[in-house]
Amino acid sequence: MKQLILIRHCHAEGKHKDSPLTNLGVNQARRLAEYLETEGLKPEKLVSSPYMRALETVRPYARQHNLEVIKDTRLQEQVLSDQPVDDYIGVVKASFSDPDYKLPGGESAKDALCRFKQVIDEYSEEDAPLLVVTHGHLLALYLHEINPDFNFKDWQVLKNPDVFIIHIDGDHQELKHVW
């Protein structure tokens, strides 16, 4: 059985790729490392978006266990457009109802989800937990794929951080929101 630990990054200064965690976010990252330890979750592979806020989220756990964090650009947030987006919320909402919807210069939810799933397929192994740190919208798209009841309204109430564990046994997937 495969186990995925999916984490939305801790509280950050902003949304730019170089935005660091806030003081609150740094404390959340430390508590997250403690939580993983306390719960007996022992991921052997750590894969993260290359954005600073994602890397800083997993860093305390990686240091405690002397593990490398694999940076993978396929875990960066969905690119909505190469231009400023006036109706960000509306575009995200559309991505849940129409996975092929995309703005000029952007990628569809289907395309973003495809690259996310490639990471899962590439790095996950039987009996070796995989920890993935990513961003809210991309995480929500994957959760929607696993459980269609997880939708736009659920995306709106995601927190920083949020932690989900998925147990995969053949075609059966069990999703738990643990933090």
Foldseek 3Di string as FASTA:
>chain_A
DWKEKEKEFAAWPDQPLATAHDPRRLVQLLVVLVVCVVVVNDAQAAEEASRRRQCSSPVVNCVVVVHDYHHDNLQEDFFQAPDDDPCVLVSLQVLLVDQCDGDYRTGGLVVSQVSVVVVCVVPIDPPHYYYYYHHLSNVQSVVCVLPVVSHSVVSVPQHGIWIWMWDDDPPDIDIDTDD
